């Protein structure tokens, strides 16, 4: 992870239109959690405003390689939206999403998990009020909106513990409803094998069509239990575009699936073209001998995410 400017990382040419995150925080007592709230506040606005370099590159490559003139025009509109955000500091899309955190907690950094989660939620609320962000989070039955982008169970937290690490990783993915509504799970039988997995992924993306705002990043989860499989698919969308799985057979599956999805010619915004998916990312876990779970989670063309690493000495690095 690299660091640039006053505690923030942004691609070259991006205007300094949003406040910087703290470069150092106190690592004990209430000041620790107040500092983490400020980091979280910065990450939320950063994720909604500054698109990752890999996503920018994917848009550029798609413009160069797309044979369909109409699709190229739609890709240019997307690039213009990114450039406007860079120039003005406005968020790229009005959908502020539902905040999803992937936490990597090093075993060598003392942290109270409950207070950590509360601090990160406080940061989301602070950013929402500070930057007048639309609140997208509501009660599932009454539809009450507390206007904070938080609520019972939100942010969503996925937690891993990293043995021997003297740091805390915070990866924030604001997940818009258009793409999140296009989530799919199938409990296939082992007899359906890899062919069944490929068919399900292809059918899922075709049925999603234009709804998740393609070109998309398609996350695929394999194995585990039903809940773990869906979580794996969600984790997969947060991987940088173009970063293949480290295992060769999984990387080859990613390549084949991406080629198949682009052959559907759903195209940018579902209006035709050769660019339906920027990438397909697969994550897996071992599963039961009588199970073959597969899940699909889709991220829209913006691929929004922001990351911070908080070191044991209080230094904070930012990236994507």
Protein backbone atom coordinates (compact mmCIF):
# COMPACT_ATOMS: atom_id res chain seq x y z
CA UNK A 1 0.00 0.00 0.00
CA UNK A 2 1.36 3.38 -0.97
CA UNK A 3 0.86 6.80 0.52
CA UNK A 4 0.71 10.20 -1.16
CA UNK A 5 -0.19 13.73 -0.11
CA UNK A 6 -1.54 14.53 3.31
CA UNK A 7 -2.58 11.08 4.35
CA UNK A 8 -4.49 10.17 1.19
CA UNK A 9 -3.86 8.19 -1.97
CA UNK A 10 -5.35 9.16 -5.31
CA UNK A 11 -4.50 8.47 -8.93
CA UNK A 12 -2.45 11.06 -10.78
CA UNK A 13 -4.47 14.07 -11.84
CA UNK A 14 -7.12 13.77 -9.14
CA UNK A 15 -7.87 17.11 -7.54
CA UNK A 16 -7.52 17.46 -3.76
CA UNK A 17 -11.23 18.14 -3.29
CA UNK A 18 -11.91 16.05 -0.22
CA UNK A 19 -10.48 16.30 3.27
CA UNK A 20 -7.44 14.19 4.08
CA UNK A 21 -7.58 11.25 6.44
CA UNK A 22 -5.46 11.32 9.59
CA UNK A 23 -1.85 10.25 9.00
CA UNK A 24 -1.39 9.13 12.61
CA UNK A 25 -3.77 8.26 15.44
CA UNK A 26 -3.29 7.61 19.14
CA UNK A 27 -3.19 3.87 19.86
CA UNK A 28 -4.68 3.72 23.33
CA UNK A 29 -7.78 4.76 25.23
CA UNK A 30 -10.74 6.68 23.80
CA UNK A 31 -8.43 8.54 21.38
CA UNK A 32 -7.81 5.27 19.49
CA UNK A 33 -11.46 4.80 18.67
CA UNK A 34 -12.03 8.48 17.93
CA UNK A 35 -9.13 8.26 15.48
CA UNK A 36 -10.55 5.13 13.86
CA UNK A 37 -13.89 6.92 13.43
CA UNK A 38 -12.08 9.70 11.55
CA UNK A 39 -10.32 7.13 9.36
CA UNK A 40 -13.67 5.48 8.63
CA UNK A 41 -15.26 8.82 7.78
CA UNK A 42 -12.50 9.55 5.30
CA UNK A 43 -12.68 6.08 3.73
CA UNK A 44 -16.41 6.39 3.05
CA UNK A 45 -16.10 9.69 1.18
CA UNK A 46 -12.91 8.51 -0.53
CA UNK A 47 -14.56 5.31 -1.79
CA UNK A 48 -17.54 7.23 -3.18
CA UNK A 49 -15.39 9.91 -4.82
CA UNK A 50 -12.01 8.55 -5.92
CA UNK A 51 -12.18 5.42 -8.08
CA UNK A 52 -9.30 2.92 -7.78
CA UNK A 53 -6.55 3.07 -10.44
CA UNK A 54 -7.31 -0.48 -11.61
CA UNK A 55 -10.94 0.44 -12.33
CA UNK A 56 -9.85 3.56 -14.23
CA UNK A 57 -7.47 1.45 -16.29
CA UNK A 58 -10.24 -1.07 -17.01
CA UNK A 59 -12.49 1.69 -18.32
CA UNK A 60 -9.67 2.99 -20.52
CA UNK A 61 -8.86 -0.45 -21.91
CA UNK A 62 -12.51 -1.09 -22.63
CA UNK A 63 -12.76 2.17 -24.56
CA UNK A 64 -9.76 1.21 -26.68
CA UNK A 65 -10.85 -2.37 -27.34
CA UNK A 66 -14.62 -1.99 -27.66
CA UNK A 67 -15.63 -2.48 -31.33
CA UNK A 68 -19.18 -1.15 -30.91
CA UNK A 69 -19.44 2.62 -31.40
CA UNK A 70 -22.46 3.01 -29.13
CA UNK A 71 -20.72 1.05 -26.37
CA UNK A 72 -17.65 3.28 -26.71
CA UNK A 73 -19.85 6.34 -26.25
CA UNK A 74 -21.36 4.89 -23.07
CA UNK A 75 -17.89 4.06 -21.74
CA UNK A 76 -16.87 7.65 -22.49
CA UNK A 77 -19.82 8.88 -20.40
CA UNK A 78 -18.55 6.74 -17.51
CA UNK A 79 -15.06 8.17 -17.89
CA UNK A 80 -16.54 11.69 -17.96
CA UNK A 81 -18.37 10.99 -14.68
CA UNK A 82 -15.05 9.99 -13.08
CA UNK A 83 -13.32 13.10 -14.43
CA UNK A 84 -16.14 15.31 -13.12
CA UNK A 85 -15.78 13.76 -9.67
CA UNK A 86 -12.02 14.32 -9.77
CA UNK A 87 -12.54 17.97 -10.65
CA UNK A 88 -15.38 18.81 -8.27
CA UNK A 89 -15.07 16.38 -5.37
CA UNK A 90 -18.64 15.21 -5.94
CA UNK A 91 -19.41 11.52 -5.53
CA UNK A 92 -19.39 9.53 -8.78
CA UNK A 93 -22.93 8.17 -8.33
CA UNK A 94 -25.81 9.27 -6.14
CA UNK A 95 -26.12 5.76 -4.67
CA UNK A 96 -24.03 5.82 -1.50
CA UNK A 97 -24.66 2.10 -1.10
CA UNK A 98 -24.62 0.00 2.02
CA UNK A 99 -21.18 0.12 3.71
CA UNK A 100 -19.40 -3.24 3.84
CA UNK A 101 -16.13 -3.60 5.78
CA UNK A 102 -13.53 -6.33 5.35
CA UNK A 103 -11.34 -6.25 8.47
CA UNK A 104 -7.92 -7.83 8.78
CA UNK A 105 -7.01 -7.72 12.48
CA UNK A 106 -3.40 -8.46 13.28
CA UNK A 107 -2.83 -10.51 16.41
CA UNK A 108 -0.05 -8.12 17.51
CA UNK A 109 -2.26 -5.04 17.71
CA UNK A 110 -4.42 -4.62 20.84
CA UNK A 111 -7.98 -3.78 19.83
CA UNK A 112 -11.44 -4.10 21.35
CA UNK A 113 -13.50 -5.61 18.54
CA UNK A 114 -16.83 -4.23 19.72
CA UNK A 115 -15.44 -0.71 20.12
CA UNK A 116 -13.73 -1.03 16.74
CA UNK A 117 -17.00 -1.82 14.99
CA UNK A 118 -18.77 1.04 16.79
CA UNK A 119 -16.00 3.47 15.80
CA UNK A 120 -16.22 2.47 12.15
CA UNK A 121 -20.01 2.88 12.23
CA UNK A 122 -19.58 6.30 13.87
CA UNK A 123 -17.25 7.26 11.03
CA UNK A 124 -19.87 6.33 8.42
CA UNK A 125 -22.40 8.52 10.21
CA UNK A 126 -19.91 11.38 10.49
CA UNK A 127 -19.15 11.25 6.76
CA UNK A 128 -22.86 11.15 5.88
CA UNK A 129 -23.58 14.29 7.90
CA UNK A 130 -20.29 16.06 7.12
CA UNK A 131 -20.59 15.69 3.35
CA UNK A 132 -24.41 15.70 3.05
CA UNK A 133 -24.41 12.21 1.56
CA UNK A 134 -27.69 10.54 0.68
CA UNK A 135 -28.65 8.01 3.32
CA UNK A 136 -29.49 4.69 1.69
CA UNK A 137 -29.93 2.50 4.81
CA UNK A 138 -33.44 1.80 6.13
CA UNK A 139 -35.32 -0.58 8.45
CA UNK A 140 -36.35 -3.64 6.37
CA UNK A 141 -40.02 -3.52 7.44
CA UNK A 142 -40.91 0.04 8.41
CA UNK A 143 -38.45 1.55 5.86
CA UNK A 144 -37.50 4.12 8.49
CA UNK A 145 -34.34 5.96 7.40
CA UNK A 146 -32.19 7.29 10.28
CA UNK A 147 -30.29 9.45 7.75
CA UNK A 148 -26.92 8.10 8.92
CA UNK A 149 -26.18 5.24 6.47
CA UNK A 150 -26.02 3.03 9.57
CA UNK A 151 -28.46 0.96 11.59
CA UNK A 152 -28.88 -2.43 13.20
CA UNK A 153 -26.31 -4.72 11.53
CA UNK A 154 -24.91 -1.94 9.32
CA UNK A 155 -22.08 -1.49 8.45
CA UNK A 156 -21.63 -5.10 7.44
CA UNK A 157 -18.42 -6.60 8.88
CA UNK A 158 -16.37 -9.51 7.55
CA UNK A 159 -13.48 -10.24 9.93
CA UNK A 160 -10.24 -12.17 9.51
CA UNK A 161 -7.39 -12.47 12.01
CA UNK A 162 -3.83 -12.24 10.70
CA UNK A 163 -1.27 -14.16 12.75
CA UNK A 164 1.73 -12.12 13.88
CA UNK A 165 0.69 -8.92 12.06
CA UNK A 166 1.26 -5.59 13.88
CA UNK A 167 -1.45 -3.77 11.96
CA UNK A 168 -5.17 -3.39 11.34
CA UNK A 169 -6.52 -3.42 7.77
CA UNK A 170 -9.80 -1.66 6.95
CA UNK A 171 -11.21 -2.27 3.47
CA UNK A 172 -14.49 -0.45 2.81
CA UNK A 173 -16.77 -1.33 -0.10
CA UNK A 174 -19.94 0.78 -0.46
CA UNK A 175 -22.32 -1.66 -2.20
CA UNK A 176 -24.99 -0.05 -4.37
CA UNK A 177 -28.44 -1.61 -4.59
CA UNK A 178 -28.48 -2.07 -8.35
CA UNK A 179 -25.60 -4.52 -8.21
CA UNK A 180 -26.39 -6.02 -4.79
CA UNK A 181 -29.94 -6.86 -5.87
CA UNK A 182 -28.33 -9.02 -8.56
CA UNK A 183 -26.95 -11.59 -6.09
CA UNK A 184 -27.44 -15.31 -6.64
CA UNK A 185 -26.89 -18.56 -4.73
CA UNK A 186 -27.33 -22.16 -5.88
CA UNK A 187 -26.76 -25.31 -3.87
CA UNK A 188 -25.74 -27.51 -6.80
CA UNK A 189 -25.10 -31.22 -6.51
CA UNK A 190 -21.58 -32.60 -6.83
CA UNK A 191 -22.72 -34.43 -9.99
CA UNK A 192 -23.26 -31.08 -11.71
CA UNK A 193 -19.55 -30.38 -11.27
CA UNK A 194 -17.66 -27.55 -12.92
CA UNK A 195 -20.04 -27.47 -15.87
CA UNK A 196 -22.91 -26.68 -13.51
CA UNK A 197 -20.89 -23.90 -11.89
CA UNK A 198 -20.11 -22.30 -15.26
CA UNK A 199 -23.73 -22.58 -16.38
CA UNK A 200 -25.02 -20.99 -13.17
CA UNK A 201 -22.60 -18.04 -13.38
CA UNK A 202 -23.48 -17.40 -17.01
CA UNK A 203 -27.23 -17.70 -16.38
CA UNK A 204 -26.98 -15.34 -13.39
CA UNK A 205 -25.23 -12.58 -15.33
CA UNK A 206 -27.58 -12.95 -18.30
CA UNK A 207 -30.62 -12.72 -16.02
CA UNK A 208 -29.12 -9.64 -14.34
CA UNK A 209 -28.77 -7.92 -17.71
CA UNK A 210 -28.53 -4.15 -17.43
CA UNK A 211 -29.65 -3.94 -13.78
CA UNK A 212 -26.18 -3.98 -12.11
CA UNK A 213 -24.85 -1.20 -14.41
CA UNK A 214 -22.36 -3.12 -16.54
CA UNK A 215 -19.50 -3.42 -17.27
CA UNK A 216 -19.28 -5.23 -13.95
CA UNK A 217 -16.85 -7.00 -11.69
CA UNK A 218 -18.36 -10.44 -11.14
CA UNK A 219 -17.52 -12.16 -7.86
CA UNK A 220 -17.96 -15.92 -7.68
CA UNK A 221 -17.94 -17.92 -4.45
CA UNK A 222 -17.37 -21.67 -4.48
CA UNK A 223 -17.78 -24.11 -1.61
CA UNK A 224 -18.27 -23.59 2.08
CA UNK A 225 -21.83 -23.39 3.41
CA UNK A 226 -24.58 -21.23 1.94
CA UNK A 227 -23.67 -18.15 3.98
CA UNK A 228 -19.92 -18.60 3.52
CA UNK A 229 -20.31 -19.09 -0.22
CA UNK A 230 -22.11 -15.76 -0.60
CA UNK A 231 -19.50 -14.03 1.59
CA UNK A 232 -16.74 -15.44 -0.63
CA UNK A 233 -18.43 -13.97 -3.71
CA UNK A 234 -18.67 -10.60 -1.95
CA UNK A 235 -15.00 -10.75 -0.97
CA UNK A 236 -14.09 -11.53 -4.59
CA UNK A 237 -15.47 -8.23 -5.92
CA UNK A 238 -13.04 -6.28 -3.71
CA UNK A 239 -9.98 -7.74 -5.44
CA UNK A 240 -8.31 -5.24 -7.84
CA UNK A 241 -9.40 -5.62 -11.46
CA UNK A 242 -6.82 -7.64 -13.37
CA UNK A 243 -5.39 -9.38 -10.30
CA UNK A 244 -5.87 -13.08 -11.00
CA UNK A 245 -6.31 -15.72 -8.33
CA UNK A 246 -2.89 -17.07 -7.24
CA UNK A 247 -3.87 -20.67 -8.04
CA UNK A 248 -3.51 -21.42 -11.75
CA UNK A 249 -6.65 -23.53 -12.14
CA UNK A 250 -8.82 -20.89 -10.45
CA UNK A 251 -7.20 -18.13 -12.51
CA UNK A 252 -7.97 -20.08 -15.69
CA UNK A 253 -11.60 -20.46 -14.58
CA UNK A 254 -11.76 -16.69 -14.06
CA UNK A 255 -10.42 -16.09 -17.57
CA UNK A 256 -12.85 -18.53 -19.19
CA UNK A 257 -15.84 -17.13 -17.33
CA UNK A 258 -14.95 -13.54 -18.21
CA UNK A 259 -14.60 -14.44 -21.90
CA UNK A 260 -17.97 -16.23 -21.83
CA UNK A 261 -19.71 -13.28 -20.15
CA UNK A 262 -18.31 -10.79 -22.65
CA UNK A 263 -19.46 -13.04 -25.49
CA UNK A 264 -23.06 -12.44 -24.36
CA UNK A 265 -22.77 -8.88 -25.74
CA UNK A 266 -24.88 -7.44 -22.93
CA UNK A 267 -22.40 -4.59 -23.07
CA UNK A 268 -22.08 -1.28 -21.22
CA UNK A 269 -25.36 -0.37 -19.47
CA UNK A 270 -26.92 -3.47 -21.05
CA UNK A 271 -27.30 -1.80 -24.45
CA UNK A 272 -24.93 -4.02 -26.40
CA UNK A 273 -21.21 -4.30 -26.90
CA UNK A 274 -18.26 -6.54 -26.19
CA UNK A 275 -17.61 -5.29 -22.64
CA UNK A 276 -20.05 -6.87 -20.20
CA UNK A 277 -17.56 -7.62 -17.41
CA UNK A 278 -14.27 -5.97 -16.57
CA UNK A 279 -13.27 -9.10 -14.65
CA UNK A 280 -14.46 -12.29 -12.99
CA UNK A 281 -12.92 -13.05 -9.59
CA UNK A 282 -13.34 -16.40 -7.87
CA UNK A 283 -12.78 -17.26 -4.19
CA UNK A 284 -13.36 -20.70 -2.70
CA UNK A 285 -13.51 -22.74 0.49
CA UNK A 286 -13.63 -26.47 1.07
CA UNK A 287 -17.15 -27.84 1.36
CA UNK A 288 -19.12 -30.96 2.30
CA UNK A 289 -18.74 -34.12 0.24
CA UNK A 290 -22.42 -33.97 -0.78
CA UNK A 291 -22.51 -30.22 -1.58
CA UNK A 292 -21.51 -27.97 -4.48
CA UNK A 293 -22.46 -24.39 -3.50
CA UNK A 294 -21.90 -21.52 -5.93
CA UNK A 295 -22.72 -17.83 -5.44
CA UNK A 296 -22.53 -14.78 -7.66
CA UNK A 297 -22.17 -11.22 -6.36
CA UNK A 298 -21.85 -8.39 -8.84
CA UNK A 299 -20.19 -4.98 -8.48
CA UNK A 300 -21.17 -2.13 -10.80
CA UNK A 301 -18.73 -0.47 -13.20
CA UNK A 302 -17.46 1.97 -10.53
CA UNK A 303 -15.79 -0.76 -8.46
CA UNK A 304 -15.77 1.55 -5.43
CA UNK A 305 -13.52 0.70 -2.52
CA UNK A 306 -11.02 2.35 -0.18
CA UNK A 307 -8.48 0.90 2.24
CA UNK A 308 -6.47 1.95 5.27
CA UNK A 309 -3.78 0.12 7.22
CA UNK A 310 -3.32 1.28 10.81
CA UNK A 311 0.09 0.30 12.18
CA UNK A 312 0.86 -0.46 15.82
CA UNK A 313 2.73 2.86 16.14
CA UNK A 314 -0.36 4.79 14.99
CA UNK A 315 0.79 5.52 11.42
CA UNK A 316 -1.99 5.21 8.84
CA UNK A 317 -1.51 4.32 5.16
CA UNK A 318 -4.26 4.70 2.57
CA UNK A 319 -4.88 2.92 -0.67
CA UNK A 320 -7.36 0.76 -2.50
